Amino acid sequence: MNITTYVTTILASVDDYLSWETKFTSFIIMHQLHGMLDGSILQPPPMILVAHDFTEPNPAYSYWLHVDQLIRAWIFATISKDMLCEVRNISHALPIWKHLANCFDTASLARVLDVKCMLTNVSKSPD
């Protein structure tokens, strides 16, 4: 399944964020993976203790990592090259998601406040 069929907005600027975030979240929910981005699905330990002083790879971690990297790839497929440069070294999906939300939610709020201020200062012209 190609995510760009569903998430048709490429995140490149604050103007794109709300549309991109809405479409991306919808896609994630459709795949029952929202817990990976809201923090309710926690990263399991990579190794598990199976006997005294003997560990082995945790299959739950392997599955979690597979899903995490799938979501990371989906994010990368739906953001601009500039955004990719900013987040490419973040190794897991949730920190990337939080980073983008932090950057763009703040910018979106600032833009909303600017528009409200402009509307407040608009005066009605005499007829």
PDB file of N, CA and C in Angstrom:
ATOM      1  N   MET A   1       0.845  -1.172   0.000  1.00  0.00           N
ATOM      2  CA  MET A   1       0.000   0.000   0.000  1.00  0.00           C
ATOM      3  C   MET A   1       0.894   1.240   0.000  1.00  0.00           C
ATOM      4  N   ASN A   2       0.638   2.123  -0.921  1.00  0.00           N
ATOM      5  CA  ASN A   2       1.434   3.338  -1.062  1.00  0.00           C
ATOM      6  C   ASN A   2       0.802   4.464  -0.243  1.00  0.00           C
ATOM      7  N   ILE A   3       1.526   4.928   0.764  1.00  0.00           N
ATOM      8  CA  ILE A   3       0.985   5.962   1.653  1.00  0.00           C
ATOM      9  C   ILE A   3       0.653   7.247   0.906  1.00  0.00           C
ATOM     10  N   THR A   4       1.378   7.560  -0.147  1.00  0.00           N
ATOM     11  CA  THR A   4       1.134   8.822  -0.840  1.00  0.00           C
ATOM     12  C   THR A   4      -0.201   8.836  -1.583  1.00  0.00           C
ATOM     13  N   THR A   5      -0.842   7.685  -1.713  1.00  0.00           N
ATOM     14  CA  THR A   5      -2.197   7.637  -2.253  1.00  0.00           C
ATOM     15  C   THR A   5      -3.181   8.223  -1.248  1.00  0.00           C
ATOM     16  N   TYR A   6      -2.891   8.060   0.048  1.00  0.00           N
ATOM     17  CA  TYR A   6      -3.764   8.528   1.115  1.00  0.00           C
ATOM     18  C   TYR A   6      -3.318   9.871   1.692  1.00  0.00           C
ATOM     19  N   VAL A   7      -2.033  10.025   1.863  1.00  0.00           N
ATOM     20  CA  VAL A   7      -1.484  11.275   2.396  1.00  0.00           C
ATOM     21  C   VAL A   7      -0.960  12.046   1.197  1.00  0.00           C
ATOM     22  N   THR A   8      -1.834  12.856   0.630  1.00  0.00           N
ATOM     23  CA  THR A   8      -1.520  13.545  -0.621  1.00  0.00           C
ATOM     24  C   THR A   8      -0.816  14.880  -0.412  1.00  0.00           C
ATOM     25  N   THR A   9      -0.743  15.319   0.839  1.00  0.00           N
ATOM     26  CA  THR A   9      -0.053  16.568   1.161  1.00  0.00           C
ATOM     27  C   THR A   9       1.378  16.250   1.568  1.00  0.00           C
ATOM     28  N   ILE A  10       2.336  16.903   0.964  1.00  0.00           N
ATOM     29  CA  ILE A  10       3.741  16.765   1.366  1.00  0.00           C
ATOM     30  C   ILE A  10       4.021  17.869   2.378  1.00  0.00           C
ATOM     31  N   LEU A  11       4.539  17.477   3.521  1.00  0.00           N
ATOM     32  CA  LEU A  11       4.849  18.452   4.563  1.00  0.00           C
ATOM     33  C   LEU A  11       6.121  19.207   4.192  1.00  0.00           C
ATOM     34  N   ALA A  12       5.946  20.483   3.876  1.00  0.00           N
ATOM     35  CA  ALA A  12       7.084  21.317   3.509  1.00  0.00           C
ATOM     36  C   ALA A  12       7.137  22.607   4.312  1.00  0.00           C
ATOM     37  N   SER A  13       5.979  23.021   4.853  1.00  0.00           N
ATOM     38  CA  SER A  13       5.939  24.287   5.588  1.00  0.00           C
ATOM     39  C   SER A  13       4.773  24.261   6.573  1.00  0.00           C
ATOM     40  N   VAL A  14       4.693  25.312   7.362  1.00  0.00           N
ATOM     41  CA  VAL A  14       3.626  25.419   8.351  1.00  0.00           C
ATOM     42  C   VAL A  14       2.256  25.403   7.674  1.00  0.00           C
ATOM     43  N   ASP A  15       2.179  25.893   6.448  1.00  0.00           N
ATOM     44  CA  ASP A  15       0.906  25.902   5.716  1.00  0.00           C
ATOM     45  C   ASP A  15       0.399  24.488   5.433  1.00  0.00           C
ATOM     46  N   ASP A  16       1.304  23.531   5.348  1.00  0.00           N
ATOM     47  CA  ASP A  16       0.943  22.145   5.023  1.00  0.00           C
ATOM     48  C   ASP A  16       0.645  21.292   6.248  1.00  0.00           C
ATOM     49  N   TYR A  17       1.070  21.740   7.417  1.00  0.00           N
ATOM     50  CA  TYR A  17       1.093  20.851   8.578  1.00  0.00           C
ATOM     51  C   TYR A  17      -0.270  20.291   8.959  1.00  0.00           C
ATOM     52  N   LEU A  18      -1.282  21.117   9.099  1.00  0.00           N
ATOM     53  CA  LEU A  18      -2.579  20.619   9.564  1.00  0.00           C
ATOM     54  C   LEU A  18      -3.168  19.595   8.603  1.00  0.00           C
ATOM     55  N   SER A  19      -3.084  19.854   7.325  1.00  0.00           N
ATOM     56  CA  SER A  19      -3.581  18.908   6.332  1.00  0.00           C
ATOM     57  C   SER A  19      -2.776  17.606   6.379  1.00  0.00           C
ATOM     58  N   TRP A  20      -1.447  17.730   6.394  1.00  0.00           N
ATOM     59  CA  TRP A  20      -0.574  16.547   6.442  1.00  0.00           C
ATOM     60  C   TRP A  20      -0.823  15.735   7.702  1.00  0.00           C
ATOM     61  N   GLU A  21      -0.857  16.403   8.846  1.00  0.00           N
ATOM     62  CA  GLU A  21      -1.029  15.704  10.125  1.00  0.00           C
ATOM     63  C   GLU A  21      -2.372  14.990  10.181  1.00  0.00           C
ATOM     64  N   THR A  22      -3.417  15.614   9.680  1.00  0.00           N
ATOM     65  CA  THR A  22      -4.747  15.014   9.672  1.00  0.00           C
ATOM     66  C   THR A  22      -4.770  13.770   8.795  1.00  0.00           C
ATOM     67  N   LYS A  23      -4.231  13.870   7.605  1.00  0.00           N
ATOM     68  CA  LYS A  23      -4.210  12.728   6.685  1.00  0.00           C
ATOM     69  C   LYS A  23      -3.320  11.606   7.205  1.00  0.00           C
ATOM     70  N   PHE A  24      -2.158  11.977   7.743  1.00  0.00           N
ATOM     71  CA  PHE A  24      -1.226  10.966   8.236  1.00  0.00           C
ATOM     72  C   PHE A  24      -1.829  10.231   9.436  1.00  0.00           C
ATOM     73  N   THR A  25      -2.424  10.980  10.352  1.00  0.00           N
ATOM     74  CA  THR A  25      -3.044  10.370  11.530  1.00  0.00           C
ATOM     75  C   THR A  25      -4.159   9.423  11.112  1.00  0.00           C
ATOM     76  N   SER A  26      -4.947   9.835  10.162  1.00  0.00           N
ATOM     77  CA  SER A  26      -6.032   8.992   9.663  1.00  0.00           C
ATOM     78  C   SER A  26      -5.482   7.688   9.086  1.00  0.00           C
ATOM     79  N   PHE A  27      -4.415   7.786   8.320  1.00  0.00           N
ATOM     80  CA  PHE A  27      -3.769   6.603   7.741  1.00  0.00           C
ATOM     81  C   PHE A  27      -3.257   5.668   8.832  1.00  0.00           C
ATOM     82  N   ILE A  28      -2.638   6.240   9.854  1.00  0.00           N
ATOM     83  CA  ILE A  28      -2.101   5.440  10.967  1.00  0.00           C
ATOM     84  C   ILE A  28      -3.240   4.757  11.730  1.00  0.00           C
ATOM     85  N   ILE A  29      -4.316   5.485  11.984  1.00  0.00           N
ATOM     86  CA  ILE A  29      -5.466   4.903  12.683  1.00  0.00           C
ATOM     87  C   ILE A  29      -6.086   3.786  11.844  1.00  0.00           C
ATOM     88  N   MET A  30      -6.168   3.995  10.546  1.00  0.00           N
ATOM     89  CA  MET A  30      -6.713   2.986   9.641  1.00  0.00           C
ATOM     90  C   MET A  30      -5.928   1.670   9.763  1.00  0.00           C
ATOM     91  N   HIS A  31      -4.644   1.768  10.062  1.00  0.00           N
ATOM     92  CA  HIS A  31      -3.802   0.584  10.216  1.00  0.00           C
ATOM     93  C   HIS A  31      -3.654   0.138  11.677  1.00  0.00           C
ATOM     94  N   GLN A  32      -4.432   0.733  12.547  1.00  0.00           N
ATOM     95  CA  GLN A  32      -4.435   0.408  13.982  1.00  0.00           C
ATOM     96  C   GLN A  32      -3.043   0.544  14.605  1.00  0.00           C
ATOM     97  N   LEU A  33      -2.344   1.616  14.221  1.00  0.00           N
ATOM     98  CA  LEU A  33      -0.985   1.855  14.708  1.00  0.00           C
ATOM     99  C   LEU A  33      -0.851   3.175  15.458  1.00  0.00           C
ATOM    100  N   HIS A  34      -1.958   3.795  15.822  1.00  0.00           N
ATOM    101  CA  HIS A  34      -1.903   5.111  16.446  1.00  0.00           C
ATOM    102  C   HIS A  34      -1.105   5.095  17.751  1.00  0.00           C
ATOM    103  N   GLY A  35      -1.132   3.985  18.457  1.00  0.00           N
ATOM    104  CA  GLY A  35      -0.382   3.869  19.706  1.00  0.00           C
ATOM    105  C   GLY A  35       1.117   4.059  19.534  1.00  0.00           C
ATOM    106  N   MET A  36       1.603   3.835  18.330  1.00  0.00           N
ATOM    107  CA  MET A  36       3.032   4.054  18.064  1.00  0.00           C
ATOM    108  C   MET A  36       3.373   5.540  18.050  1.00  0.00           C
ATOM    109  N   LEU A  37       2.374   6.398  17.764  1.00  0.00           N
ATOM    110  CA  LEU A  37       2.631   7.832  17.687  1.00  0.00           C
ATOM    111  C   LEU A  37       2.064   8.609  18.860  1.00  0.00           C
ATOM    112  N   ASP A  38       1.194   7.991  19.650  1.00  0.00           N
ATOM    113  CA  ASP A  38       0.704   8.699  20.843  1.00  0.00           C
ATOM    114  C   ASP A  38       1.415   8.229  22.104  1.00  0.00           C
ATOM    115  N   GLY A  39       2.345   7.289  21.950  1.00  0.00           N
ATOM    116  CA  GLY A  39       3.151   6.822  23.077  1.00  0.00           C
ATOM    117  C   GLY A  39       2.511   5.722  23.903  1.00  0.00           C
ATOM    118  N   SER A  40       1.319   5.256  23.517  1.00  0.00           N
ATOM    119  CA  SER A  40       0.666   4.219  24.320  1.00  0.00           C
ATOM    120  C   SER A  40       1.215   2.817  24.035  1.00  0.00           C
ATOM    121  N   ILE A  41       1.866   2.646  22.897  1.00  0.00           N
ATOM    122  CA  ILE A  41       2.588   1.397  22.639  1.00  0.00           C
ATOM    123  C   ILE A  41       4.053   1.679  22.941  1.00  0.00           C
ATOM    124  N   LEU A  42       4.524   1.086  24.007  1.00  0.00           N
ATOM    125  CA  LEU A  42       5.891   1.349  24.470  1.00  0.00           C
ATOM    126  C   LEU A  42       6.891   0.425  23.797  1.00  0.00           C
ATOM    127  N   GLN A  43       8.099   0.912  23.664  1.00  0.00           N
ATOM    128  CA  GLN A  43       9.182   0.107  23.098  1.00  0.00           C
ATOM    129  C   GLN A  43       9.549  -1.009  24.077  1.00  0.00           C
ATOM    130  N   PRO A  44       9.441  -2.271  23.653  1.00  0.00           N
ATOM    131  CA  PRO A  44       9.852  -3.362  24.541  1.00  0.00           C
ATOM    132  C   PRO A  44      11.382  -3.437  24.628  1.00  0.00           C
ATOM    133  N   PRO A  45      11.893  -4.105  25.635  1.00  0.00           N
ATOM    134  CA  PRO A  45      13.351  -4.257  25.718  1.00  0.00           C
ATOM    135  C   PRO A  45      13.869  -5.131  24.567  1.00  0.00           C
ATOM    136  N   PRO A  46      15.034  -4.808  24.029  1.00  0.00           N
ATOM    137  CA  PRO A  46      15.578  -5.590  22.911  1.00  0.00           C
ATOM    138  C   PRO A  46      15.935  -7.030  23.292  1.00  0.00           C
ATOM    139  N   MET A  47      16.283  -7.232  24.535  1.00  0.00           N
ATOM    140  CA  MET A  47      16.670  -8.575  24.999  1.00  0.00           C
ATOM    141  C   MET A  47      15.782  -8.977  26.171  1.00  0.00           C
ATOM    142  N   ILE A  48      15.568 -10.288  26.304  1.00  0.00           N
ATOM    143  CA  ILE A  48      14.813 -10.803  27.453  1.00  0.00           C
ATOM    144  C   ILE A  48      15.656 -11.854  28.181  1.00  0.00           C
ATOM    145  N   LEU A  49      15.465 -11.916  29.473  1.00  0.00           N
ATOM    146  CA  LEU A  49      16.162 -12.895  30.305  1.00  0.00           C
ATOM    147  C   LEU A  49      15.393 -14.203  30.233  1.00  0.00           C
ATOM    148  N   VAL A  50      16.056 -15.262  29.774  1.00  0.00           N
ATOM    149  CA  VAL A  50      15.383 -16.564  29.660  1.00  0.00           C
ATOM    150  C   VAL A  50      15.873 -17.561  30.699  1.00  0.00           C
ATOM    151  N   ALA A  51      17.025 -17.332  31.232  1.00  0.00           N
ATOM    152  CA  ALA A  51      17.571 -18.172  32.302  1.00  0.00           C
ATOM    153  C   ALA A  51      18.574 -17.304  33.062  1.00  0.00           C
ATOM    154  N   HIS A  52      18.996 -17.764  34.191  1.00  0.00           N
ATOM    155  CA  HIS A  52      19.947 -17.003  34.989  1.00  0.00           C
ATOM    156  C   HIS A  52      21.136 -16.599  34.125  1.00  0.00           C
ATOM    157  N   ASP A  53      21.342 -15.284  33.980  1.00  0.00           N
ATOM    158  CA  ASP A  53      22.453 -14.720  33.204  1.00  0.00           C
ATOM    159  C   ASP A  53      22.441 -15.103  31.722  1.00  0.00           C
ATOM    160  N   PHE A  54      21.299 -15.485  31.182  1.00  0.00           N
ATOM    161  CA  PHE A  54      21.226 -15.813  29.767  1.00  0.00           C
ATOM    162  C   PHE A  54      20.087 -15.020  29.134  1.00  0.00           C
ATOM    163  N   THR A  55      20.441 -14.215  28.132  1.00  0.00           N
ATOM    164  CA  THR A  55      19.426 -13.413  27.444  1.00  0.00           C
ATOM    165  C   THR A  55      19.353 -13.829  25.982  1.00  0.00           C
ATOM    166  N   GLU A  56      18.245 -13.476  25.395  1.00  0.00           N
ATOM    167  CA  GLU A  56      18.089 -13.700  23.964  1.00  0.00           C
ATOM    168  C   GLU A  56      17.265 -12.546  23.385  1.00  0.00           C
ATOM    169  N   PRO A  57      17.316 -12.385  22.078  1.00  0.00           N
ATOM    170  CA  PRO A  57      16.549 -11.298  21.460  1.00  0.00           C
ATOM    171  C   PRO A  57      15.051 -11.433  21.760  1.00  0.00           C
ATOM    172  N   ASN A  58      14.445 -10.309  22.014  1.00  0.00           N
ATOM    173  CA  ASN A  58      13.021 -10.264  22.330  1.00  0.00           C
ATOM    174  C   ASN A  58      12.215 -10.181  21.030  1.00  0.00           C
ATOM    175  N   PRO A  59      11.388 -11.190  20.733  1.00  0.00           N
ATOM    176  CA  PRO A  59      10.589 -11.130  19.502  1.00  0.00           C
ATOM    177  C   PRO A  59       9.621  -9.944  19.485  1.00  0.00           C
ATOM    178  N   ALA A  60       9.153  -9.524  20.650  1.00  0.00           N
ATOM    179  CA  ALA A  60       8.257  -8.361  20.722  1.00  0.00           C
ATOM    180  C   ALA A  60       8.998  -7.099  20.280  1.00  0.00           C
ATOM    181  N   TYR A  61      10.275  -7.003  20.638  1.00  0.00           N
ATOM    182  CA  TYR A  61      11.067  -5.853  20.207  1.00  0.00           C
ATOM    183  C   TYR A  61      11.272  -5.886  18.693  1.00  0.00           C
ATOM    184  N   SER A  62      11.555  -7.058  18.145  1.00  0.00           N
ATOM    185  CA  SER A  62      11.746  -7.179  16.693  1.00  0.00           C
ATOM    186  C   SER A  62      10.506  -6.715  15.946  1.00  0.00           C
ATOM    187  N   TYR A  63       9.331  -7.117  16.421  1.00  0.00           N
ATOM    188  CA  TYR A  63       8.086  -6.695  15.779  1.00  0.00           C
ATOM    189  C   TYR A  63       7.883  -5.185  15.948  1.00  0.00           C
ATOM    190  N   TRP A  64       8.105  -4.682  17.163  1.00  0.00           N
ATOM    191  CA  TRP A  64       7.950  -3.250  17.423  1.00  0.00           C
ATOM    192  C   TRP A  64       8.871  -2.440  16.508  1.00  0.00           C
ATOM    193  N   LEU A  65      10.124  -2.881  16.373  1.00  0.00           N
ATOM    194  CA  LEU A  65      11.097  -2.173  15.542  1.00  0.00           C
ATOM    195  C   LEU A  65      10.667  -2.184  14.072  1.00  0.00           C
ATOM    196  N   HIS A  66      10.137  -3.301  13.609  1.00  0.00           N
ATOM    197  CA  HIS A  66       9.646  -3.402  12.240  1.00  0.00           C
ATOM    198  C   HIS A  66       8.552  -2.356  11.992  1.00  0.00           C
ATOM    199  N   VAL A  67       7.573  -2.293  12.884  1.00  0.00           N
ATOM    200  CA  VAL A  67       6.465  -1.340  12.743  1.00  0.00           C
ATOM    201  C   VAL A  67       6.979   0.096  12.875  1.00  0.00           C
ATOM    202  N   ASP A  68       7.854   0.337  13.834  1.00  0.00           N
ATOM    203  CA  ASP A  68       8.428   1.663  14.039  1.00  0.00           C
ATOM    204  C   ASP A  68       9.133   2.154  12.774  1.00  0.00           C
ATOM    205  N   GLN A  69       9.921   1.301  12.173  1.00  0.00           N
ATOM    206  CA  GLN A  69      10.666   1.704  10.978  1.00  0.00           C
ATOM    207  C   GLN A  69       9.753   1.851   9.762  1.00  0.00           C
ATOM    208  N   LEU A  70       8.658   1.103   9.730  1.00  0.00           N
ATOM    209  CA  LEU A  70       7.660   1.274   8.680  1.00  0.00           C
ATOM    210  C   LEU A  70       7.031   2.661   8.783  1.00  0.00           C
ATOM    211  N   ILE A  71       6.641   3.047   9.990  1.00  0.00           N
ATOM    212  CA  ILE A  71       6.056   4.380  10.199  1.00  0.00           C
ATOM    213  C   ILE A  71       7.077   5.472   9.898  1.00  0.00           C
ATOM    214  N   ARG A  72       8.303   5.251  10.298  1.00  0.00           N
ATOM    215  CA  ARG A  72       9.383   6.215  10.000  1.00  0.00           C
ATOM    216  C   ARG A  72       9.517   6.397   8.481  1.00  0.00           C
ATOM    217  N   ALA A  73       9.484   5.295   7.744  1.00  0.00           N
ATOM    218  CA  ALA A  73       9.566   5.362   6.283  1.00  0.00           C
ATOM    219  C   ALA A  73       8.353   6.082   5.701  1.00  0.00           C
ATOM    220  N   TRP A  74       7.171   5.861   6.265  1.00  0.00           N
ATOM    221  CA  TRP A  74       5.968   6.564   5.811  1.00  0.00           C
ATOM    222  C   TRP A  74       6.108   8.071   6.037  1.00  0.00           C
ATOM    223  N   ILE A  75       6.645   8.439   7.198  1.00  0.00           N
ATOM    224  CA  ILE A  75       6.865   9.871   7.458  1.00  0.00           C
ATOM    225  C   ILE A  75       7.821  10.434   6.413  1.00  0.00           C
ATOM    226  N   PHE A  76       8.936   9.737   6.200  1.00  0.00           N
ATOM    227  CA  PHE A  76       9.932  10.205   5.245  1.00  0.00           C
ATOM    228  C   PHE A  76       9.348  10.332   3.832  1.00  0.00           C
ATOM    229  N   ALA A  77       8.404   9.457   3.475  1.00  0.00           N
ATOM    230  CA  ALA A  77       7.805   9.481   2.140  1.00  0.00           C
ATOM    231  C   ALA A  77       6.844  10.649   1.949  1.00  0.00           C
ATOM    232  N   THR A  78       6.450  11.288   3.056  1.00  0.00           N
ATOM    233  CA  THR A  78       5.418  12.330   2.963  1.00  0.00           C
ATOM    234  C   THR A  78       5.893  13.700   3.438  1.00  0.00           C
ATOM    235  N   ILE A  79       7.199  13.856   3.567  1.00  0.00           N
ATOM    236  CA  ILE A  79       7.740  15.161   3.944  1.00  0.00           C
ATOM    237  C   ILE A  79       8.712  15.629   2.856  1.00  0.00           C
ATOM    238  N   SER A  80       8.942  16.925   2.831  1.00  0.00           N
ATOM    239  CA  SER A  80       9.835  17.498   1.820  1.00  0.00           C
ATOM    240  C   SER A  80      11.293  17.114   2.102  1.00  0.00           C
ATOM    241  N   LYS A  81      12.135  17.346   1.115  1.00  0.00           N
ATOM    242  CA  LYS A  81      13.572  17.074   1.281  1.00  0.00           C
ATOM    243  C   LYS A  81      14.164  17.899   2.417  1.00  0.00           C
ATOM    244  N   ASP A  82      13.717  19.142   2.551  1.00  0.00           N
ATOM    245  CA  ASP A  82      14.219  19.994   3.637  1.00  0.00           C
ATOM    246  C   ASP A  82      13.839  19.424   5.002  1.00  0.00           C
ATOM    247  N   MET A  83      12.593  18.972   5.119  1.00  0.00           N
ATOM    248  CA  MET A  83      12.140  18.377   6.386  1.00  0.00           C
ATOM    249  C   MET A  83      12.890  17.080   6.652  1.00  0.00           C
ATOM    250  N   LEU A  84      13.121  16.302   5.601  1.00  0.00           N
ATOM    251  CA  LEU A  84      13.850  15.043   5.746  1.00  0.00           C
ATOM    252  C   LEU A  84      15.257  15.299   6.291  1.00  0.00           C
ATOM    253  N   CYS A  85      15.908  16.333   5.780  1.00  0.00           N
ATOM    254  CA  CYS A  85      17.252  16.676   6.277  1.00  0.00           C
ATOM    255  C   CYS A  85      17.218  16.990   7.769  1.00  0.00           C
ATOM    256  N   GLU A  86      16.111  17.566   8.223  1.00  0.00           N
ATOM    257  CA  GLU A  86      15.995  17.951   9.627  1.00  0.00           C
ATOM    258  C   GLU A  86      15.782  16.756  10.561  1.00  0.00           C
ATOM    259  N   VAL A  87      15.134  15.700  10.072  1.00  0.00           N
ATOM    260  CA  VAL A  87      14.772  14.587  10.963  1.00  0.00           C
ATOM    261  C   VAL A  87      15.436  13.258  10.617  1.00  0.00           C
ATOM    262  N   ARG A  88      16.230  13.222   9.578  1.00  0.00           N
ATOM    263  CA  ARG A  88      16.771  11.939   9.107  1.00  0.00           C
ATOM    264  C   ARG A  88      17.632  11.207  10.131  1.00  0.00           C
ATOM    265  N   ASN A  89      18.255  11.933  11.038  1.00  0.00           N
ATOM    266  CA  ASN A  89      19.109  11.294  12.043  1.00  0.00           C
ATOM    267  C   ASN A  89      18.357  10.886  13.302  1.00  0.00           C
ATOM    268  N   ILE A  90      17.059  11.129  13.342  1.00  0.00           N
ATOM    269  CA  ILE A  90      16.244  10.666  14.470  1.00  0.00           C
ATOM    270  C   ILE A  90      15.839   9.233  14.139  1.00  0.00           C
ATOM    271  N   SER A  91      16.211   8.295  14.993  1.00  0.00           N
ATOM    272  CA  SER A  91      16.139   6.888  14.608  1.00  0.00           C
ATOM    273  C   SER A  91      14.793   6.202  14.797  1.00  0.00           C
ATOM    274  N   HIS A  92      13.838   6.843  15.453  1.00  0.00           N
ATOM    275  CA  HIS A  92      12.542   6.189  15.664  1.00  0.00           C
ATOM    276  C   HIS A  92      11.390   7.130  15.322  1.00  0.00           C
ATOM    277  N   ALA A  93      10.245   6.554  15.002  1.00  0.00           N
ATOM    278  CA  ALA A  93       9.088   7.307  14.515  1.00  0.00           C
ATOM    279  C   ALA A  93       8.531   8.291  15.544  1.00  0.00           C
ATOM    280  N   LEU A  94       8.363   7.864  16.788  1.00  0.00           N
ATOM    281  CA  LEU A  94       7.742   8.738  17.789  1.00  0.00           C
ATOM    282  C   LEU A  94       8.534  10.025  18.016  1.00  0.00           C
ATOM    283  N   PRO A  95       9.845   9.980  18.192  1.00  0.00           N
ATOM    284  CA  PRO A  95      10.578  11.246  18.341  1.00  0.00           C
ATOM    285  C   PRO A  95      10.504  12.138  17.094  1.00  0.00           C
ATOM    286  N   ILE A  96      10.432  11.540  15.911  1.00  0.00           N
ATOM    287  CA  ILE A  96      10.265  12.337  14.688  1.00  0.00           C
ATOM    288  C   ILE A  96       8.905  13.014  14.721  1.00  0.00           C
ATOM    289  N   TRP A  97       7.870  12.245  15.049  1.00  0.00           N
ATOM    290  CA  TRP A  97       6.500  12.773  15.124  1.00  0.00           C
ATOM    291  C   TRP A  97       6.428  13.938  16.113  1.00  0.00           C
ATOM    292  N   LYS A  98       7.018  13.750  17.280  1.00  0.00           N
ATOM    293  CA  LYS A  98       7.009  14.807  18.304  1.00  0.00           C
ATOM    294  C   LYS A  98       7.786  16.036  17.838  1.00  0.00           C
ATOM    295  N   HIS A  99       8.908  15.819  17.176  1.00  0.00           N
ATOM    296  CA  HIS A  99       9.720  16.936  16.676  1.00  0.00           C
ATOM    297  C   HIS A  99       8.926  17.763  15.665  1.00  0.00           C
ATOM    298  N   LEU A 100       8.288  17.087  14.722  1.00  0.00           N
ATOM    299  CA  LEU A 100       7.504  17.802  13.714  1.00  0.00           C
ATOM    300  C   LEU A 100       6.327  18.534  14.353  1.00  0.00           C
ATOM    301  N   ALA A 101       5.647  17.861  15.279  1.00  0.00           N
ATOM    302  CA  ALA A 101       4.516  18.502  15.964  1.00  0.00           C
ATOM    303  C   ALA A 101       4.987  19.728  16.733  1.00  0.00           C
ATOM    304  N   ASN A 102       6.098  19.595  17.427  1.00  0.00           N
ATOM    305  CA  ASN A 102       6.624  20.720  18.202  1.00  0.00           C
ATOM    306  C   ASN A 102       6.964  21.898  17.298  1.00  0.00           C
ATOM    307  N   CYS A 103       7.615  21.629  16.191  1.00  0.00           N
ATOM    308  CA  CYS A 103       7.989  22.697  15.251  1.00  0.00           C
ATOM    309  C   CYS A 103       6.770  23.368  14.647  1.00  0.00           C
ATOM    310  N   PHE A 104       5.841  22.559  14.169  1.00  0.00           N
ATOM    311  CA  PHE A 104       4.735  23.120  13.401  1.00  0.00           C
ATOM    312  C   PHE A 104       3.548  23.547  14.247  1.00  0.00           C
ATOM    313  N   ASP A 105       3.295  22.890  15.371  1.00  0.00           N
ATOM    314  CA  ASP A 105       2.211  23.348  16.239  1.00  0.00           C
ATOM    315  C   ASP A 105       2.516  24.749  16.751  1.00  0.00           C
ATOM    316  N   THR A 106       3.754  24.987  17.132  1.00  0.00           N
ATOM    317  CA  THR A 106       4.170  26.303  17.617  1.00  0.00           C
ATOM    318  C   THR A 106       4.029  27.339  16.511  1.00  0.00           C
ATOM    319  N   ALA A 107       4.495  27.002  15.319  1.00  0.00           N
ATOM    320  CA  ALA A 107       4.400  27.932  14.192  1.00  0.00           C
ATOM    321  C   ALA A 107       2.940  28.173  13.809  1.00  0.00           C
ATOM    322  N   SER A 108       2.115  27.117  13.851  1.00  0.00           N
ATOM    323  CA  SER A 108       0.689  27.265  13.531  1.00  0.00           C
ATOM    324  C   SER A 108       0.001  28.165  14.539  1.00  0.00           C
ATOM    325  N   LEU A 109       0.328  27.990  15.806  1.00  0.00           N
ATOM    326  CA  LEU A 109      -0.267  28.820  16.855  1.00  0.00           C
ATOM    327  C   LEU A 109       0.142  30.279  16.662  1.00  0.00           C
ATOM    328  N   ALA A 110       1.400  30.498  16.364  1.00  0.00           N
ATOM    329  CA  ALA A 110       1.866  31.866  16.136  1.00  0.00           C
ATOM    330  C   ALA A 110       1.131  32.493  14.959  1.00  0.00           C
ATOM    331  N   ARG A 111       0.918  31.723  13.911  1.00  0.00           N
ATOM    332  CA  ARG A 111       0.201  32.238  12.745  1.00  0.00           C
ATOM    333  C   ARG A 111      -1.246  32.566  13.100  1.00  0.00           C
ATOM    334  N   VAL A 112      -1.903  31.708  13.867  1.00  0.00           N
ATOM    335  CA  VAL A 112      -3.287  31.962  14.293  1.00  0.00           C
ATOM    336  C   VAL A 112      -3.354  33.238  15.111  1.00  0.00           C
ATOM    337  N   LEU A 113      -2.411  33.410  16.032  1.00  0.00           N
ATOM    338  CA  LEU A 113      -2.402  34.622  16.857  1.00  0.00           C
ATOM    339  C   LEU A 113      -2.169  35.872  16.015  1.00  0.00           C
ATOM    340  N   ASP A 114      -1.302  35.777  15.010  1.00  0.00           N
ATOM    341  CA  ASP A 114      -1.063  36.908  14.108  1.00  0.00           C
ATOM    342  C   ASP A 114      -2.333  37.283  13.355  1.00  0.00           C
ATOM    343  N   VAL A 115      -3.040  36.273  12.855  1.00  0.00           N
ATOM    344  CA  VAL A 115      -4.276  36.535  12.107  1.00  0.00           C
ATOM    345  C   VAL A 115      -5.322  37.148  13.026  1.00  0.00           C
ATOM    346  N   LYS A 116      -5.456  36.626  14.247  1.00  0.00           N
ATOM    347  CA  LYS A 116      -6.407  37.194  15.205  1.00  0.00           C
ATOM    348  C   LYS A 116      -6.074  38.659  15.503  1.00  0.00           C
ATOM    349  N   CYS A 117      -4.801  38.939  15.662  1.00  0.00           N
ATOM    350  CA  CYS A 117      -4.371  40.309  15.928  1.00  0.00           C
ATOM    351  C   CYS A 117      -4.704  41.207  14.744  1.00  0.00           C
ATOM    352  N   MET A 118      -4.438  40.731  13.546  1.00  0.00           N
ATOM    353  CA  MET A 118      -4.754  41.522  12.347  1.00  0.00           C
ATOM    354  C   MET A 118      -6.258  41.769  12.257  1.00  0.00           C
ATOM    355  N   LEU A 119      -7.056  40.756  12.539  1.00  0.00           N
ATOM    356  CA  LEU A 119      -8.511  40.920  12.472  1.00  0.00           C
ATOM    357  C   LEU A 119      -9.018  41.888  13.541  1.00  0.00           C
ATOM    358  N   THR A 120      -8.402  41.843  14.702  1.00  0.00           N
ATOM    359  CA  THR A 120      -8.793  42.750  15.783  1.00  0.00           C
ATOM    360  C   THR A 120      -8.502  44.191  15.402  1.00  0.00           C
ATOM    361  N   ASN A 121      -7.416  44.422  14.681  1.00  0.00           N
ATOM    362  CA  ASN A 121      -6.997  45.777  14.320  1.00  0.00           C
ATOM    363  C   ASN A 121      -7.596  46.293  13.025  1.00  0.00           C
ATOM    364  N   VAL A 122      -8.397  45.481  12.362  1.00  0.00           N
ATOM    365  CA  VAL A 122      -9.043  45.919  11.128  1.00  0.00           C
ATOM    366  C   VAL A 122     -10.194  46.863  11.514  1.00  0.00           C
ATOM    367  N   SER A 123     -10.222  47.968  10.856  1.00  0.00           N
ATOM    368  CA  SER A 123     -11.322  48.899  11.125  1.00  0.00           C
ATOM    369  C   SER A 123     -12.258  48.905   9.927  1.00  0.00           C
ATOM    370  N   LYS A 124     -13.498  49.117  10.229  1.00  0.00           N
ATOM    371  CA  LYS A 124     -14.516  49.156   9.188  1.00  0.00           C
ATOM    372  C   LYS A 124     -14.408  50.491   8.465  1.00  0.00           C
ATOM    373  N   SER A 125     -14.330  50.412   7.159  1.00  0.00           N
ATOM    374  CA  SER A 125     -14.247  51.648   6.389  1.00  0.00           C
ATOM    375  C   SER A 125     -15.619  52.308   6.307  1.00  0.00           C
ATOM    376  N   PRO A 126     -15.646  53.632   6.328  1.00  0.00           N
ATOM    377  CA  PRO A 126     -16.942  54.330   6.236  1.00  0.00           C
ATOM    378  C   PRO A 126     -17.570  54.098   4.867  1.00  0.00           C
ATOM    379  N   ASP A 127     -18.860  53.923   4.871  1.00  0.00           N
ATOM    380  CA  ASP A 127     -19.594  53.699   3.613  1.00  0.00           C
ATOM    381  C   ASP A 127     -19.803  54.964   2.845  1.00  0.00           C
TER     382      ASP A 127
END
